[in-house]
Amino acid sequence: MDSNTTHHSQISSEVSLETTLASYGTLAPGEVNSNQMDGMVGTWSAGTVRGYLTHASKGAHIGLPALILDPNGDDIPVQIFKSKDLPAYWWRLDEFEGEGYRRVPVTVQTDEGEIMAYLYNVKPSFVASMDK
């Protein structure tokens, strides 16, 4: 396998919260910060979470997408990354996301049903207002 196929390789169907990331923004394939996923082998698929999209209004991520989770919110599309490599990289992703975002477990709806994944949720103090 060459390095250009790292995000598209098949992995075991055994996944857990520690090996699953839901991305609604810049970590997803083709997005501005997708390089943060370099070095990990895994698969991407589609899903949705419930909440509201807004934008970070302070810190290093000003203007970038920010999600407020809310079970009564809208269906927000996410890209789900499943990889056995994630546990060794959480520290790097946590550091990259910085003080404005926290990694939280979330229920993701997929075509196959609900799964649990980690998602970087914006801290409320890092958004100016809701763009509902």
Protein backbone atom coordinates (compact mmCIF):
# COMPACT_ATOMS: atom_id res chain seq x y z
CA MET A 1 0.00 0.00 0.00
CA ASP A 2 1.37 3.45 -0.86
CA SER A 3 1.05 6.52 1.38
CA ASN A 4 -1.67 8.04 -0.81
CA THR A 5 -4.17 5.38 0.21
CA THR A 6 -3.88 5.65 3.99
CA HIS A 7 -7.38 6.98 4.58
CA HIS A 8 -9.08 4.48 2.30
CA SER A 9 -7.64 1.16 3.46
CA GLN A 10 -9.86 -1.52 4.92
CA ILE A 11 -9.69 -2.18 8.67
CA SER A 12 -11.31 -4.69 10.96
CA SER A 13 -15.03 -4.32 11.54
CA GLU A 14 -14.28 -4.29 15.28
CA VAL A 15 -14.49 -0.63 16.21
CA SER A 16 -15.02 1.17 19.48
CA LEU A 17 -15.32 4.71 20.76
CA GLU A 18 -11.52 4.91 21.02
CA THR A 19 -11.14 4.01 17.33
CA THR A 20 -13.88 6.23 15.87
CA LEU A 21 -13.92 9.97 15.09
CA ALA A 22 -16.86 11.97 13.72
CA SER A 23 -15.78 15.12 11.86
CA TYR A 24 -18.17 17.89 10.81
CA GLY A 25 -15.44 20.22 9.68
CA THR A 26 -11.84 20.64 8.68
CA LEU A 27 -10.41 17.22 9.62
CA ALA A 28 -12.47 15.41 6.95
CA PRO A 29 -10.95 14.33 3.61
CA GLY A 30 -10.29 17.24 1.26
CA GLU A 31 -10.73 19.85 3.98
CA VAL A 32 -8.12 22.41 5.01
CA ASN A 33 -6.85 20.48 8.07
CA SER A 34 -7.17 16.93 6.73
CA ASN A 35 -3.38 16.65 7.01
CA GLN A 36 -3.89 16.24 10.77
CA MET A 37 -5.08 12.71 9.95
CA ASP A 38 -1.78 11.83 8.23
CA GLY A 39 -0.16 8.64 9.44
CA MET A 40 -3.41 6.85 10.27
CA VAL A 41 -4.85 3.96 8.27
CA GLY A 42 -8.62 3.71 8.29
CA THR A 43 -11.91 4.14 6.49
CA TRP A 44 -14.28 7.09 6.09
CA SER A 45 -18.07 6.84 5.91
CA ALA A 46 -21.04 9.19 6.29
CA GLY A 47 -23.33 9.84 9.23
CA THR A 48 -25.24 12.55 11.08
CA VAL A 49 -25.33 14.01 14.58
CA ARG A 50 -27.91 16.33 16.16
CA GLY A 51 -27.06 19.95 16.90
CA TYR A 52 -26.41 23.36 15.42
CA LEU A 53 -23.52 24.54 13.28
CA THR A 54 -21.99 27.90 14.00
CA HIS A 55 -18.45 29.33 13.81
CA ALA A 56 -15.71 29.76 16.39
CA SER A 57 -15.43 33.41 17.40
CA LYS A 58 -12.17 33.42 19.34
CA GLY A 59 -8.89 31.58 19.63
CA ALA A 60 -6.89 30.04 16.81
CA HIS A 61 -9.97 28.69 15.03
CA ILE A 62 -11.86 31.97 14.45
CA GLY A 63 -14.32 31.53 11.59
CA LEU A 64 -13.99 27.76 11.37
CA PRO A 65 -16.98 25.45 11.81
CA ALA A 66 -18.14 24.84 15.36
CA LEU A 67 -20.86 22.44 16.48
CA ILE A 68 -23.17 22.81 19.45
CA LEU A 69 -24.57 19.35 20.20
CA ASP A 70 -28.32 19.32 20.91
CA PRO A 71 -30.60 16.27 20.74
CA ASN A 72 -33.39 18.59 19.50
CA GLY A 73 -31.18 20.23 16.88
CA ASP A 74 -30.77 19.73 13.16
CA ASP A 75 -29.27 16.66 11.48
CA ILE A 76 -25.67 17.71 10.88
CA PRO A 77 -23.68 15.66 8.34
CA VAL A 78 -20.42 14.18 9.61
CA GLN A 79 -17.64 12.07 8.17
CA ILE A 80 -16.82 9.06 10.35
CA PHE A 81 -13.22 7.88 10.50
CA LYS A 82 -12.62 4.38 11.88
CA SER A 83 -9.04 3.41 12.63
CA LYS A 84 -7.13 1.22 15.05
CA ASP A 85 -4.46 3.94 14.88
CA LEU A 86 -6.60 6.66 16.51
CA PRO A 87 -5.71 5.84 20.15
CA ALA A 88 -2.06 6.63 19.41
CA TYR A 89 -3.03 9.95 17.74
CA TRP A 90 -5.69 11.40 20.07
CA TRP A 91 -3.04 13.47 21.85
CA ARG A 92 -2.05 15.08 18.53
CA LEU A 93 -5.65 15.83 17.54
CA ASP A 94 -6.46 17.15 21.04
CA GLU A 95 -3.45 19.46 20.85
CA PHE A 96 -4.39 20.63 17.36
CA GLU A 97 -8.01 21.38 18.33
CA GLY A 98 -6.75 23.42 21.27
CA GLU A 99 -8.56 25.04 24.16
CA GLY A 100 -11.69 25.96 22.18
CA TYR A 101 -12.80 22.41 21.46
CA ARG A 102 -13.15 19.32 23.61
CA ARG A 103 -13.33 15.71 22.51
CA VAL A 104 -16.65 14.24 23.60
CA PRO A 105 -18.47 10.95 22.94
CA VAL A 106 -21.47 11.34 20.65
CA THR A 107 -24.10 9.12 19.09
CA VAL A 108 -23.84 9.12 15.30
CA GLN A 109 -26.65 7.93 13.03
CA THR A 110 -25.45 5.87 10.05
CA ASP A 111 -27.15 3.80 7.37
CA GLU A 112 -26.32 0.75 9.50
CA GLY A 113 -27.74 2.24 12.73
CA GLU A 114 -26.29 4.19 15.64
CA ILE A 115 -22.63 4.10 16.61
CA MET A 116 -20.56 5.94 19.20
CA ALA A 117 -17.71 8.18 18.12
CA TYR A 118 -15.59 10.97 19.49
CA LEU A 119 -16.28 14.44 18.10
CA TYR A 120 -14.61 17.78 18.75
CA ASN A 121 -17.34 19.94 20.26
CA VAL A 122 -16.80 23.70 20.57
CA LYS A 123 -16.82 25.11 24.08
CA PRO A 124 -19.76 27.56 24.43
CA SER A 125 -17.41 30.40 25.43
CA PHE A 126 -15.78 30.15 21.98
CA VAL A 127 -18.90 31.08 19.97
CA ALA A 128 -20.45 34.55 19.80
CA SER A 129 -23.96 33.52 18.82
CA MET A 130 -25.92 30.67 17.34
CA ASP A 131 -26.52 30.71 13.57
CA LYS A 132 -29.85 28.86 13.86
